[in-house]
């Protein structure tokens, strides 16, 4: 994967929409599929242009319309961002991250049981 700068939270939300489709999308289609649907068309268009400059998406002009699709692989990007988070916040220790998650009040007993099953613990 080509190394891409981190995406802003807004760019990540737009990227999430693109990852959910197996076809290139028009700006309006991206707008229609954003969670809160409050973003202006021009804002989304600007984000997509910025993401294209970063190498995160590519565009294809068909007629007078630009269609956007992801260049970034979702799983590879998530892995890269997780490694960056662990490095920055947990001194590179995955163990410290896991301990932090287990101590978190957001993790339910069901979450812990699911994790145990995943790792056959």
N, C-alpha and C. Protein backbone atom coordinates (compact mmCIF):
# COMPACT_ATOMS: atom_id res chain seq x y z
N UNK A 1 0.84 -1.18 0.00
CA UNK A 1 0.00 0.00 0.00
C UNK A 1 0.88 1.24 0.00
N UNK A 2 0.55 2.17 -0.84
CA UNK A 2 1.24 3.45 -0.86
C UNK A 2 0.94 4.18 0.45
N UNK A 3 1.97 4.68 1.10
CA UNK A 3 1.78 5.38 2.37
C UNK A 3 1.07 6.70 2.12
N UNK A 4 -0.06 6.88 2.80
CA UNK A 4 -0.87 8.08 2.66
C UNK A 4 -0.91 8.79 4.00
N UNK A 5 -0.92 10.11 3.95
CA UNK A 5 -1.07 10.87 5.18
C UNK A 5 -2.35 10.41 5.88
N UNK A 6 -2.41 10.62 7.18
CA UNK A 6 -3.62 10.27 7.91
C UNK A 6 -4.80 11.06 7.37
N UNK A 7 -5.95 10.44 7.42
CA UNK A 7 -7.17 11.12 7.02
C UNK A 7 -7.74 11.86 8.21
N UNK A 8 -8.31 13.03 7.97
CA UNK A 8 -9.01 13.75 9.03
C UNK A 8 -10.28 12.96 9.37
N UNK A 9 -10.90 13.24 10.51
CA UNK A 9 -12.16 12.55 10.82
C UNK A 9 -13.21 12.71 9.72
N UNK A 10 -13.31 13.88 9.14
CA UNK A 10 -14.28 14.11 8.05
C UNK A 10 -13.92 13.28 6.82
N UNK A 11 -12.64 13.26 6.48
CA UNK A 11 -12.19 12.46 5.33
C UNK A 11 -12.43 10.97 5.59
N UNK A 12 -12.20 10.54 6.82
CA UNK A 12 -12.42 9.13 7.16
C UNK A 12 -13.89 8.75 7.01
N UNK A 13 -14.78 9.68 7.35
CA UNK A 13 -16.21 9.41 7.19
C UNK A 13 -16.58 9.27 5.71
N UNK A 14 -16.01 10.15 4.89
CA UNK A 14 -16.25 10.06 3.44
C UNK A 14 -15.67 8.76 2.90
N UNK A 15 -14.47 8.41 3.34
CA UNK A 15 -13.82 7.18 2.90
C UNK A 15 -14.66 5.96 3.28
N UNK A 16 -15.26 6.01 4.45
CA UNK A 16 -16.10 4.92 4.91
C UNK A 16 -17.26 4.67 3.93
N UNK A 17 -17.84 5.75 3.43
CA UNK A 17 -18.93 5.62 2.45
C UNK A 17 -18.39 4.94 1.19
N UNK A 18 -17.23 5.39 0.71
CA UNK A 18 -16.66 4.82 -0.51
C UNK A 18 -16.33 3.34 -0.32
N UNK A 19 -15.82 2.97 0.86
CA UNK A 19 -15.48 1.57 1.13
C UNK A 19 -16.71 0.67 1.13
N UNK A 20 -17.87 1.24 1.40
CA UNK A 20 -19.09 0.43 1.50
C UNK A 20 -19.70 0.10 0.14
N UNK A 21 -19.13 0.62 -0.93
CA UNK A 21 -19.69 0.39 -2.27
C UNK A 21 -18.66 -0.26 -3.18
N UNK A 22 -19.15 -1.09 -4.08
CA UNK A 22 -18.28 -1.78 -5.03
C UNK A 22 -18.20 -1.03 -6.36
N UNK A 23 -18.63 0.21 -6.35
CA UNK A 23 -18.62 1.00 -7.58
C UNK A 23 -18.22 2.43 -7.25
N UNK A 24 -17.66 3.15 -8.21
CA UNK A 24 -17.35 4.56 -7.99
C UNK A 24 -18.64 5.36 -7.75
N UNK A 25 -18.54 6.38 -6.90
CA UNK A 25 -19.71 7.19 -6.55
C UNK A 25 -19.54 8.64 -6.97
N UNK A 26 -20.67 9.26 -7.34
CA UNK A 26 -20.70 10.70 -7.60
C UNK A 26 -20.69 11.41 -6.25
N UNK A 27 -20.32 12.68 -6.26
CA UNK A 27 -20.30 13.47 -5.02
C UNK A 27 -21.66 13.40 -4.33
N UNK A 28 -22.73 13.56 -5.09
CA UNK A 28 -24.07 13.55 -4.49
C UNK A 28 -24.38 12.21 -3.83
N UNK A 29 -23.92 11.11 -4.44
CA UNK A 29 -24.15 9.79 -3.84
C UNK A 29 -23.40 9.68 -2.51
N UNK A 30 -22.20 10.24 -2.45
CA UNK A 30 -21.46 10.25 -1.18
C UNK A 30 -22.24 11.05 -0.16
N UNK A 31 -22.71 12.25 -0.54
CA UNK A 31 -23.50 13.10 0.36
C UNK A 31 -24.72 12.35 0.90
N UNK A 32 -25.41 11.66 0.01
CA UNK A 32 -26.63 10.95 0.38
C UNK A 32 -26.38 9.81 1.36
N UNK A 33 -25.15 9.29 1.39
CA UNK A 33 -24.84 8.14 2.23
C UNK A 33 -24.05 8.48 3.49
N UNK A 34 -23.79 9.76 3.72
CA UNK A 34 -23.11 10.15 4.94
C UNK A 34 -24.07 10.02 6.12
N UNK A 35 -23.55 9.66 7.26
CA UNK A 35 -24.36 9.35 8.43
C UNK A 35 -25.34 10.46 8.80
N UNK A 36 -24.84 11.67 8.99
CA UNK A 36 -25.74 12.73 9.45
C UNK A 36 -26.40 13.50 8.31
N UNK A 37 -25.93 13.29 7.08
CA UNK A 37 -26.54 13.91 5.89
C UNK A 37 -26.64 15.43 5.95
N UNK A 38 -25.83 16.07 6.80
CA UNK A 38 -25.91 17.52 6.94
C UNK A 38 -24.83 18.26 6.15
N UNK A 39 -23.97 17.54 5.50
CA UNK A 39 -22.85 18.18 4.82
C UNK A 39 -23.28 18.75 3.49
N UNK A 40 -22.78 19.93 3.19
CA UNK A 40 -23.07 20.56 1.90
C UNK A 40 -22.31 19.83 0.80
N UNK A 41 -22.91 19.82 -0.38
CA UNK A 41 -22.31 19.20 -1.55
C UNK A 41 -20.89 19.73 -1.77
N UNK A 42 -20.73 21.06 -1.67
CA UNK A 42 -19.43 21.68 -1.91
C UNK A 42 -18.39 21.20 -0.90
N UNK A 43 -18.79 21.00 0.34
CA UNK A 43 -17.87 20.51 1.37
C UNK A 43 -17.36 19.11 1.02
N UNK A 44 -18.28 18.24 0.63
CA UNK A 44 -17.91 16.87 0.27
C UNK A 44 -17.02 16.87 -0.98
N UNK A 45 -17.35 17.70 -1.94
CA UNK A 45 -16.54 17.79 -3.17
C UNK A 45 -15.13 18.24 -2.83
N UNK A 46 -15.01 19.21 -1.93
CA UNK A 46 -13.69 19.70 -1.51
C UNK A 46 -12.91 18.61 -0.79
N UNK A 47 -13.58 17.88 0.10
CA UNK A 47 -12.92 16.78 0.81
C UNK A 47 -12.41 15.73 -0.17
N UNK A 48 -13.22 15.38 -1.16
CA UNK A 48 -12.82 14.38 -2.14
C UNK A 48 -11.61 14.85 -2.96
N UNK A 49 -11.58 16.13 -3.32
CA UNK A 49 -10.42 16.67 -4.05
C UNK A 49 -9.17 16.60 -3.18
N UNK A 50 -9.30 16.95 -1.91
CA UNK A 50 -8.16 16.90 -0.99
C UNK A 50 -7.68 15.45 -0.82
N UNK A 51 -8.63 14.53 -0.73
CA UNK A 51 -8.29 13.11 -0.57
C UNK A 51 -7.61 12.57 -1.83
N UNK A 52 -8.02 13.08 -2.99
CA UNK A 52 -7.38 12.67 -4.24
C UNK A 52 -5.93 13.17 -4.27
N UNK A 53 -5.71 14.38 -3.81
CA UNK A 53 -4.34 14.93 -3.75
C UNK A 53 -3.46 14.09 -2.81
N UNK A 54 -4.04 13.55 -1.75
CA UNK A 54 -3.31 12.72 -0.80
C UNK A 54 -3.06 11.32 -1.35
N UNK A 55 -3.79 10.94 -2.40
CA UNK A 55 -3.65 9.61 -2.96
C UNK A 55 -4.57 8.60 -2.32
N UNK A 56 -5.57 9.07 -1.58
CA UNK A 56 -6.49 8.17 -0.89
C UNK A 56 -7.63 7.71 -1.79
N UNK A 57 -8.02 8.57 -2.75
CA UNK A 57 -9.09 8.23 -3.70
C UNK A 57 -8.62 8.58 -5.10
N UNK A 58 -9.34 8.06 -6.07
CA UNK A 58 -9.09 8.44 -7.46
C UNK A 58 -10.43 8.84 -8.07
N UNK A 59 -10.34 9.67 -9.09
CA UNK A 59 -11.57 10.10 -9.76
C UNK A 59 -11.51 9.72 -11.23
N UNK A 60 -12.69 9.54 -11.77
CA UNK A 60 -12.83 9.24 -13.19
C UNK A 60 -13.97 10.12 -13.71
N UNK A 61 -13.69 10.86 -14.75
CA UNK A 61 -14.71 11.75 -15.31
C UNK A 61 -15.47 11.00 -16.40
N UNK A 62 -16.78 10.91 -16.21
CA UNK A 62 -17.65 10.30 -17.21
C UNK A 62 -18.65 11.37 -17.60
N UNK A 63 -18.54 11.82 -18.85
CA UNK A 63 -19.34 12.97 -19.26
C UNK A 63 -18.85 14.18 -18.51
N UNK A 64 -19.74 14.83 -17.80
CA UNK A 64 -19.36 16.00 -17.02
C UNK A 64 -19.28 15.69 -15.53
N UNK A 65 -19.40 14.43 -15.17
CA UNK A 65 -19.49 14.04 -13.77
C UNK A 65 -18.25 13.27 -13.33
N UNK A 66 -17.73 13.64 -12.17
CA UNK A 66 -16.63 12.90 -11.56
C UNK A 66 -17.18 11.79 -10.68
N UNK A 67 -16.57 10.62 -10.81
CA UNK A 67 -16.91 9.48 -9.97
C UNK A 67 -15.68 9.14 -9.14
N UNK A 68 -15.87 8.91 -7.85
CA UNK A 68 -14.76 8.67 -6.92
C UNK A 68 -14.78 7.26 -6.38
N UNK A 69 -13.59 6.69 -6.26
CA UNK A 69 -13.45 5.36 -5.66
C UNK A 69 -12.18 5.34 -4.80
N UNK A 70 -12.16 4.47 -3.80
CA UNK A 70 -11.00 4.44 -2.89
C UNK A 70 -9.77 3.83 -3.54
N UNK A 71 -8.63 4.37 -3.21
CA UNK A 71 -7.35 3.78 -3.57
C UNK A 71 -6.83 3.03 -2.36
N UNK A 72 -7.09 3.58 -1.19
CA UNK A 72 -6.66 2.94 0.06
C UNK A 72 -7.44 1.67 0.31
N UNK A 73 -6.74 0.65 0.74
CA UNK A 73 -7.38 -0.57 1.18
C UNK A 73 -7.81 -0.38 2.64
N UNK A 74 -9.06 -0.66 2.93
CA UNK A 74 -9.62 -0.41 4.26
C UNK A 74 -8.82 -1.12 5.36
N UNK A 75 -8.58 -2.41 5.20
CA UNK A 75 -7.89 -3.16 6.25
C UNK A 75 -6.45 -2.71 6.45
N UNK A 76 -5.77 -2.42 5.35
CA UNK A 76 -4.38 -1.95 5.45
C UNK A 76 -4.32 -0.58 6.13
N UNK A 77 -5.27 0.28 5.81
CA UNK A 77 -5.30 1.60 6.43
C UNK A 77 -5.58 1.49 7.93
N UNK A 78 -6.56 0.66 8.30
CA UNK A 78 -6.87 0.47 9.71
C UNK A 78 -5.67 -0.08 10.47
N UNK A 79 -4.96 -1.02 9.86
CA UNK A 79 -3.78 -1.60 10.50
C UNK A 79 -2.70 -0.55 10.70
N UNK A 80 -2.48 0.27 9.67
CA UNK A 80 -1.47 1.33 9.76
C UNK A 80 -1.84 2.34 10.85
N UNK A 81 -3.11 2.72 10.91
CA UNK A 81 -3.56 3.68 11.92
C UNK A 81 -3.49 3.10 13.33
N UNK A 82 -3.77 1.81 13.46
CA UNK A 82 -3.68 1.16 14.77
C UNK A 82 -2.24 1.13 15.24
N UNK A 83 -1.32 0.79 14.34
CA UNK A 83 0.10 0.79 14.70
C UNK A 83 0.55 2.18 15.13
N UNK A 84 0.08 3.19 14.44
CA UNK A 84 0.43 4.58 14.77
C UNK A 84 -0.11 4.95 16.15
N UNK A 85 -1.33 4.56 16.42
CA UNK A 85 -1.95 4.83 17.73
C UNK A 85 -1.18 4.15 18.85
N UNK A 86 -0.85 2.89 18.66
CA UNK A 86 -0.10 2.13 19.67
C UNK A 86 1.26 2.78 19.90
N UNK A 87 1.89 3.18 18.83
CA UNK A 87 3.20 3.82 18.94
C UNK A 87 3.12 5.14 19.70
N UNK A 88 2.14 5.97 19.35
CA UNK A 88 2.03 7.30 19.95
C UNK A 88 1.54 7.26 21.40
N UNK A 89 0.52 6.46 21.68
CA UNK A 89 -0.12 6.51 22.99
C UNK A 89 0.32 5.44 23.97
N UNK A 90 0.87 4.34 23.46
CA UNK A 90 1.19 3.20 24.33
C UNK A 90 2.64 2.77 24.21
N UNK A 91 3.51 3.68 23.80
CA UNK A 91 4.94 3.39 23.68
C UNK A 91 5.22 2.13 22.87
N UNK A 92 4.39 1.88 21.88
CA UNK A 92 4.58 0.72 21.01
C UNK A 92 4.12 -0.59 21.62
N UNK A 93 3.51 -0.54 22.80
CA UNK A 93 3.10 -1.76 23.49
C UNK A 93 1.64 -2.10 23.22
N UNK A 94 1.43 -3.18 22.48
CA UNK A 94 0.08 -3.66 22.22
C UNK A 94 -0.54 -4.13 23.54
N UNK A 95 0.28 -4.66 24.41
CA UNK A 95 -0.20 -5.11 25.72
C UNK A 95 -0.82 -3.95 26.50
N UNK A 96 -0.14 -2.78 26.48
CA UNK A 96 -0.68 -1.61 27.18
C UNK A 96 -2.02 -1.18 26.59
N UNK A 97 -2.14 -1.27 25.27
CA UNK A 97 -3.41 -0.94 24.61
C UNK A 97 -4.49 -1.90 25.09
N UNK A 98 -4.19 -3.20 25.09
CA UNK A 98 -5.17 -4.20 25.51
C UNK A 98 -5.61 -3.97 26.96
N UNK A 99 -4.66 -3.68 27.84
CA UNK A 99 -4.98 -3.42 29.25
C UNK A 99 -5.89 -2.20 29.35
N UNK A 100 -5.57 -1.16 28.58
CA UNK A 100 -6.38 0.06 28.57
C UNK A 100 -7.81 -0.25 28.12
N UNK A 101 -7.94 -1.06 27.08
CA UNK A 101 -9.27 -1.42 26.59
C UNK A 101 -10.04 -2.26 27.62
N UNK A 102 -9.36 -3.20 28.26
CA UNK A 102 -10.03 -4.04 29.25
C UNK A 102 -10.48 -3.23 30.46
N UNK A 103 -9.72 -2.19 30.83
CA UNK A 103 -10.07 -1.35 31.96
C UNK A 103 -11.16 -0.33 31.60
N UNK A 104 -11.36 -0.14 30.32
CA UNK A 104 -12.34 0.84 29.85
C UNK A 104 -13.74 0.44 30.29
N UNK A 105 -14.51 1.42 30.68
CA UNK A 105 -15.90 1.16 31.06
C UNK A 105 -16.77 0.89 29.84
N UNK A 106 -16.23 1.13 28.65
CA UNK A 106 -16.98 0.89 27.42
C UNK A 106 -17.01 -0.58 27.03
N UNK A 107 -16.07 -1.36 27.57
CA UNK A 107 -16.00 -2.77 27.20
C UNK A 107 -16.95 -3.57 28.10
N UNK A 108 -17.87 -4.28 27.46
CA UNK A 108 -18.85 -5.07 28.20
C UNK A 108 -18.31 -6.47 28.48
N UNK A 109 -18.99 -7.16 29.36
CA UNK A 109 -18.62 -8.55 29.64
C UNK A 109 -18.75 -9.40 28.38
N UNK A 110 -19.75 -9.08 27.56
CA UNK A 110 -19.95 -9.81 26.29
C UNK A 110 -18.76 -9.58 25.36
N UNK A 111 -18.26 -8.33 25.33
CA UNK A 111 -17.08 -8.03 24.52
C UNK A 111 -15.90 -8.89 24.97
N UNK A 112 -15.69 -8.95 26.26
CA UNK A 112 -14.57 -9.72 26.82
C UNK A 112 -14.73 -11.20 26.49
N UNK A 113 -15.95 -11.73 26.61
CA UNK A 113 -16.20 -13.14 26.28
C UNK A 113 -15.94 -13.40 24.79
N UNK A 114 -16.37 -12.47 23.93
CA UNK A 114 -16.13 -12.61 22.49
C UNK A 114 -14.63 -12.64 22.19
N UNK A 115 -13.88 -11.77 22.86
CA UNK A 115 -12.43 -11.71 22.65
C UNK A 115 -11.78 -13.02 23.12
N UNK A 116 -12.22 -13.51 24.27
CA UNK A 116 -11.67 -14.78 24.78
C UNK A 116 -11.90 -15.89 23.76
N UNK A 117 -13.10 -15.93 23.18
CA UNK A 117 -13.41 -16.96 22.17
C UNK A 117 -12.54 -16.79 20.94
N UNK A 118 -12.33 -15.54 20.51
CA UNK A 118 -11.52 -15.28 19.33
C UNK A 118 -10.10 -15.79 19.50
N UNK A 119 -9.57 -15.62 20.71
CA UNK A 119 -8.19 -16.02 20.98
C UNK A 119 -8.10 -17.36 21.68
N UNK A 120 -9.26 -18.04 21.81
CA UNK A 120 -9.30 -19.36 22.41
C UNK A 120 -8.66 -19.34 23.81
N UNK A 121 -9.05 -18.36 24.63
CA UNK A 121 -8.51 -18.21 25.98
C UNK A 121 -9.37 -18.90 27.02
